[in-house]
Amino acid sequence: EYMTSKVSSSDSPRGKSARRLGGAQSSNAASMAGILDEIKNRSSHQKHVAADRITYKDMLQTLGRELCLFAPTSLDDVAEKAIRIESALLPLCDEVQVLKELAEWPQHTVDAVREVAARLKLLRRLDTVLNLQGTTWVAKESMVEEVNQVLAKYSELTLEIEELLTTENAHKSKLKQLNLPSDIFAAEIHRAKLCALSAAKYVMRMGLTAVTRLESADPLLVSSSARKQVVWVLENGMGLAVKCHQFTAGVCVCVCVCVCVCVCV
């Protein structure tokens, strides 16, 4: 009975305490190893930063002086300077840390150039969203699918332009830093809006072409579904024309085309 009821040494309070102590020591050792690894990594990173400051010192000082004298006269000047900046700073292991110790580095100018260039890039990309003559536009097989594609792209374009307009005031401060006119983006935005206008004209021409074909075809051979599709295209074309008229602040060409559709229908 004594042997069967005897508590093993590992289950005794002393044994449990030893296990807890051993686990704590292992945990502390792992934590210490992690701290040492982090210190080594930081030390290695700081060495790379220090090396970059020496290696690229002359180049960065030249670029800094160049940026202090930067006086763009157009958005293309800003775009070119942004490319120059990114190309020069790309080799740095840590841009923020390397430039932090560089005396008289014009970080505000760098930020302004980057933001203005990014806005310009986005606006010029919008030119391709509804560029029906561009290489990126792939026409659909059916008239209905093509109209749906145009409507989807129109929504994408208008949403992005409206978002750009809501942040317009925030970007004016960046333009001011570069001594550029506050309305310098107006032409780019207007060009993007004209893409929306061309989409409305495209859909309405598609509908008018379908009407012409229906009129020249044998009425007995034209199905009711085909007629409904043509009416649907015309309705969407007119609806898109009205939206474009509002979105583009009443461009008269859009109104004229809309009136032509109404007369033909």
Protein backbone atom coordinates (compact mmCIF):
# COMPACT_ATOMS: atom_id res chain seq x y z
CA GLU A 1 0.00 0.00 0.00
CA TYR A 2 2.81 2.38 0.80
CA MET A 3 4.45 1.77 -2.56
CA THR A 4 1.29 2.17 -4.60
CA SER A 5 0.19 5.35 -2.87
CA LYS A 6 3.63 6.99 -2.84
CA VAL A 7 3.72 10.26 -4.80
CA SER A 8 6.42 10.36 -7.47
CA SER A 9 9.13 13.02 -7.19
CA SER A 10 7.98 14.72 -10.40
CA ASP A 11 4.47 15.18 -9.00
CA SER A 12 5.68 16.52 -5.70
CA PRO A 13 5.51 20.28 -4.99
CA ARG A 14 9.29 20.46 -5.39
CA GLY A 15 9.10 18.76 -8.79
CA LYS A 16 6.36 21.08 -10.02
CA SER A 17 8.32 24.09 -8.86
CA ALA A 18 11.40 22.85 -10.74
CA ARG A 19 9.38 22.42 -13.94
CA ARG A 20 7.98 25.96 -13.64
CA LEU A 21 11.47 27.34 -13.04
CA GLY A 22 12.83 25.46 -16.05
CA GLY A 23 10.01 26.75 -18.27
CA ALA A 24 10.56 30.32 -17.12
CA GLN A 25 14.28 30.03 -17.81
CA SER A 26 13.60 28.71 -21.32
CA SER A 27 11.14 31.53 -21.98
CA ASN A 28 13.63 34.12 -20.70
CA ALA A 29 16.37 32.63 -22.85
CA ALA A 30 14.16 32.77 -25.95
CA SER A 31 13.16 36.36 -25.16
CA MET A 32 16.79 37.35 -24.65
CA ALA A 33 17.75 35.70 -27.95
CA GLY A 34 14.99 37.65 -29.69
CA ILE A 35 16.22 40.92 -28.18
CA LEU A 36 19.79 40.15 -29.23
CA ASP A 37 18.63 39.36 -32.78
CA GLU A 38 16.70 42.63 -32.91
CA ILE A 39 19.74 44.56 -31.67
CA LYS A 40 21.91 42.87 -34.30
CA ASN A 41 19.38 43.64 -37.04
CA ARG A 42 19.13 47.26 -35.94
CA SER A 43 22.87 47.52 -35.77
CA SER A 44 23.20 46.04 -39.27
CA HIS A 45 20.52 48.40 -40.59
CA GLN A 46 22.21 51.42 -39.04
CA LYS A 47 25.49 50.36 -40.65
CA HIS A 48 23.76 50.27 -44.04
CA VAL A 49 22.24 53.69 -43.38
CA ALA A 50 25.62 55.14 -42.38
CA ALA A 51 27.25 53.59 -45.46
CA ASP A 52 24.58 55.09 -47.75
CA ARG A 53 25.09 58.53 -46.22
CA ILE A 54 28.75 58.35 -47.19
CA THR A 55 28.29 56.65 -50.57
CA TYR A 56 25.52 58.94 -51.84
CA LYS A 57 26.44 62.14 -49.99
CA ASP A 58 27.63 64.09 -53.03
CA MET A 59 24.75 62.92 -55.20
CA LEU A 60 22.16 63.82 -52.55
CA GLN A 61 23.68 67.24 -51.93
CA THR A 62 23.62 67.97 -55.66
CA LEU A 63 20.01 66.82 -55.90
CA GLY A 64 19.08 68.91 -52.85
CA ARG A 65 20.52 72.07 -54.39
CA GLU A 66 18.78 71.23 -57.65
CA LEU A 67 15.43 70.91 -55.86
CA CYS A 68 15.92 74.18 -53.97
CA LEU A 69 16.26 75.93 -57.34
CA PHE A 70 13.47 73.96 -59.00
CA ALA A 71 11.01 76.34 -60.71
CA PRO A 72 8.61 74.35 -62.90
CA THR A 73 6.55 76.06 -65.57
CA SER A 74 4.33 73.09 -66.42
CA LEU A 75 3.02 69.82 -65.03
CA ASP A 76 5.34 67.94 -67.37
CA ASP A 77 8.30 69.62 -65.65
CA VAL A 78 7.03 68.25 -62.33
CA ALA A 79 6.54 64.77 -63.79
CA GLU A 80 10.10 64.72 -65.12
CA LYS A 81 11.48 65.92 -61.78
CA ALA A 82 9.53 63.20 -59.94
CA ILE A 83 11.18 60.57 -62.14
CA ARG A 84 14.56 62.12 -61.39
CA ILE A 85 13.88 62.02 -57.64
CA GLU A 86 12.69 58.42 -57.60
CA SER A 87 15.64 57.28 -59.69
CA ALA A 88 18.11 59.04 -57.39
CA LEU A 89 16.58 57.82 -54.10
CA LEU A 90 15.86 54.25 -55.21
CA PRO A 91 19.29 52.83 -54.16
CA LEU A 92 18.93 54.05 -50.56
CA CYS A 93 18.33 51.29 -48.02
CA ASP A 94 16.15 53.58 -45.88
CA GLU A 95 15.23 56.88 -47.51
CA VAL A 96 13.88 58.53 -44.34
CA GLN A 97 16.85 57.61 -42.16
CA VAL A 98 19.48 58.47 -44.75
CA LEU A 99 17.99 61.88 -45.56
CA LYS A 100 17.23 62.75 -41.93
CA GLU A 101 20.82 63.73 -41.23
CA LEU A 102 21.32 65.56 -44.53
CA ALA A 103 21.52 69.28 -43.87
CA GLU A 104 19.10 71.54 -45.76
CA TRP A 105 17.39 68.66 -47.55
CA PRO A 106 14.20 70.15 -49.17
CA GLN A 107 11.77 67.44 -48.07
CA HIS A 108 8.74 69.73 -48.50
CA THR A 109 9.65 70.21 -52.16
CA VAL A 110 10.10 66.47 -52.61
CA ASP A 111 6.66 65.80 -51.10
CA ALA A 112 5.04 68.46 -53.30
CA VAL A 113 6.65 67.13 -56.48
CA ARG A 114 5.60 63.58 -55.68
CA GLU A 115 1.99 64.46 -54.90
CA VAL A 116 1.51 66.71 -57.94
CA ALA A 117 3.14 64.12 -60.23
CA ALA A 118 0.95 61.34 -58.80
CA ARG A 119 -2.20 63.43 -59.41
CA LEU A 120 -1.11 64.14 -62.97
CA LYS A 121 -0.43 60.45 -63.60
CA LEU A 122 -3.89 59.53 -62.34
CA LEU A 123 -5.59 62.15 -64.50
CA ARG A 124 -3.76 61.02 -67.60
CA ARG A 125 -4.66 57.42 -66.85
CA LEU A 126 -8.31 58.49 -66.79
CA ASP A 127 -7.91 59.56 -70.41
CA THR A 128 -7.63 55.88 -71.31
CA VAL A 129 -10.63 54.63 -69.29
CA LEU A 130 -13.13 55.66 -71.99
CA ASN A 131 -10.77 56.06 -74.93
CA LEU A 132 -12.90 54.20 -77.47
CA GLN A 133 -10.25 54.62 -80.16
CA GLY A 134 -7.37 53.49 -77.97
CA THR A 135 -5.59 50.15 -78.09
CA THR A 136 -6.83 49.20 -74.61
CA TRP A 137 -10.51 49.32 -75.58
CA VAL A 138 -11.87 45.90 -76.53
CA ALA A 139 -15.33 46.06 -78.08
CA LYS A 140 -17.90 43.46 -77.04
CA GLU A 141 -19.59 41.10 -79.48
CA SER A 142 -23.14 42.27 -78.89
CA MET A 143 -24.59 45.78 -78.84
CA VAL A 144 -26.08 45.31 -75.37
CA GLU A 145 -22.78 44.09 -73.91
CA GLU A 146 -20.94 47.00 -75.48
CA VAL A 147 -23.37 49.54 -74.02
CA ASN A 148 -23.06 47.92 -70.59
CA GLN A 149 -19.28 48.15 -70.88
CA VAL A 150 -19.50 51.85 -71.73
CA LEU A 151 -21.87 52.52 -68.82
CA ALA A 152 -19.56 50.70 -66.38
CA LYS A 153 -16.49 52.60 -67.59
CA TYR A 154 -18.42 55.88 -67.47
CA SER A 155 -19.29 55.25 -63.82
CA GLU A 156 -15.66 54.42 -63.04
CA LEU A 157 -14.46 57.59 -64.76
CA THR A 158 -16.94 59.95 -63.13
CA LEU A 159 -16.36 58.53 -59.64
CA GLU A 160 -12.61 58.99 -59.93
CA ILE A 161 -12.94 62.53 -61.27
CA GLU A 162 -15.35 63.48 -58.48
CA GLU A 163 -12.91 62.07 -55.94
CA LEU A 164 -10.12 64.14 -57.48
CA LEU A 165 -12.27 67.25 -57.28
CA THR A 166 -12.95 66.69 -53.57
CA THR A 167 -9.20 66.71 -52.86
CA GLU A 168 -8.52 69.69 -55.09
CA ASN A 169 -8.06 72.17 -52.24
CA ALA A 170 -5.55 69.90 -50.50
CA HIS A 171 -3.40 69.82 -53.63
CA LYS A 172 -3.51 73.58 -54.11
CA SER A 173 -1.04 73.99 -51.25
CA LYS A 174 1.38 71.65 -53.07
CA LEU A 175 0.99 73.67 -56.25
CA LYS A 176 1.65 76.84 -54.28
CA GLN A 177 4.89 75.37 -52.93
CA LEU A 178 6.02 74.84 -56.52
CA ASN A 179 4.79 78.31 -57.62
CA LEU A 180 2.31 76.76 -60.05
CA PRO A 181 -1.18 78.15 -60.77
CA SER A 182 -3.87 76.68 -58.55
CA ASP A 183 -6.03 75.84 -61.59
CA ILE A 184 -3.27 74.17 -63.58
CA PHE A 185 -5.08 70.81 -63.43
CA ALA A 186 -8.23 72.28 -65.02
CA ALA A 187 -7.22 71.35 -68.57
CA GLU A 188 -6.44 67.76 -67.55
CA ILE A 189 -9.78 67.39 -65.76
CA HIS A 190 -11.63 68.91 -68.73
CA ARG A 191 -9.95 66.44 -71.08
CA ALA A 192 -11.06 63.54 -68.88
CA LYS A 193 -14.62 64.88 -68.89
CA LEU A 194 -14.59 65.03 -72.68
CA CYS A 195 -13.94 61.29 -72.68
CA ALA A 196 -17.27 60.86 -70.91
CA LEU A 197 -18.90 63.02 -73.55
CA SER A 198 -17.47 60.90 -76.36
CA ALA A 199 -18.90 57.79 -74.66
CA ALA A 200 -22.43 59.26 -74.72
CA LYS A 201 -22.08 60.14 -78.40
CA TYR A 202 -20.80 56.63 -79.12
CA VAL A 203 -23.81 54.94 -77.50
CA MET A 204 -26.27 57.24 -79.28
CA ARG A 205 -24.62 56.65 -82.65
CA MET A 206 -24.83 52.94 -81.98
CA GLY A 207 -28.56 53.26 -81.34
CA LEU A 208 -29.16 55.42 -84.43
CA THR A 209 -27.27 52.91 -86.59
CA ALA A 210 -29.46 50.12 -85.21
CA VAL A 211 -32.60 52.18 -85.99
CA THR A 212 -31.44 52.68 -89.59
CA ARG A 213 -30.89 48.95 -90.00
CA LEU A 214 -34.31 48.17 -88.59
CA GLU A 215 -35.99 50.61 -91.01
CA SER A 216 -34.26 49.04 -94.01
CA ALA A 217 -35.00 45.47 -92.93
CA ASP A 218 -38.09 43.43 -93.69
CA PRO A 219 -40.49 44.01 -90.74
CA LEU A 220 -41.46 40.34 -90.82
CA LEU A 221 -37.84 39.32 -90.23
CA VAL A 222 -37.25 41.65 -87.27
CA SER A 223 -37.99 40.06 -83.92
CA SER A 224 -39.61 41.89 -81.05
CA SER A 225 -36.53 41.24 -78.91
CA ALA A 226 -34.34 43.03 -81.48
CA ARG A 227 -36.66 46.03 -81.39
CA LYS A 228 -36.57 46.06 -77.59
CA GLN A 229 -32.77 45.98 -77.64
CA VAL A 230 -32.65 49.01 -79.95
CA VAL A 231 -35.09 50.92 -77.73
CA TRP A 232 -32.99 49.96 -74.69
CA VAL A 233 -29.81 51.28 -76.35
CA LEU A 234 -31.53 54.54 -77.32
CA GLU A 235 -32.91 55.03 -73.81
CA ASN A 236 -29.49 54.43 -72.25
CA GLY A 237 -27.86 56.71 -74.79
CA MET A 238 -30.26 59.52 -73.94
CA GLY A 239 -29.83 58.90 -70.22
CA LEU A 240 -26.06 58.97 -70.58
CA ALA A 241 -26.30 62.18 -72.63
CA VAL A 242 -28.24 63.89 -69.84
CA LYS A 243 -25.70 62.72 -67.25
CA CYS A 244 -22.84 63.96 -69.40
CA HIS A 245 -24.58 67.30 -69.89
CA GLN A 246 -24.70 67.70 -66.10
CA PHE A 247 -21.24 66.25 -65.48
CA THR A 248 -19.47 68.37 -68.10
CA ALA A 249 -21.28 71.56 -67.01
CA GLY A 250 -23.51 71.68 -70.08
CA VAL A 251 -21.27 71.09 -73.08
CA CYS A 252 -23.51 72.14 -75.98
CA VAL A 253 -22.39 69.37 -78.33
CA CYS A 254 -23.86 66.78 -76.02
CA VAL A 255 -27.20 68.58 -75.97
CA CYS A 256 -27.33 68.82 -79.77
CA VAL A 257 -26.72 65.11 -80.19
CA CYS A 258 -29.36 64.34 -77.58
CA VAL A 259 -31.91 66.45 -79.48
CA CYS A 260 -31.05 64.61 -82.70
CA VAL A 261 -31.80 61.30 -81.01
CA CYS A 262 -35.11 62.58 -79.68
CA VAL A 263 -36.15 63.70 -83.17
CA CYS A 264 -35.19 60.42 -84.76
CA VAL A 265 -37.03 58.39 -82.18
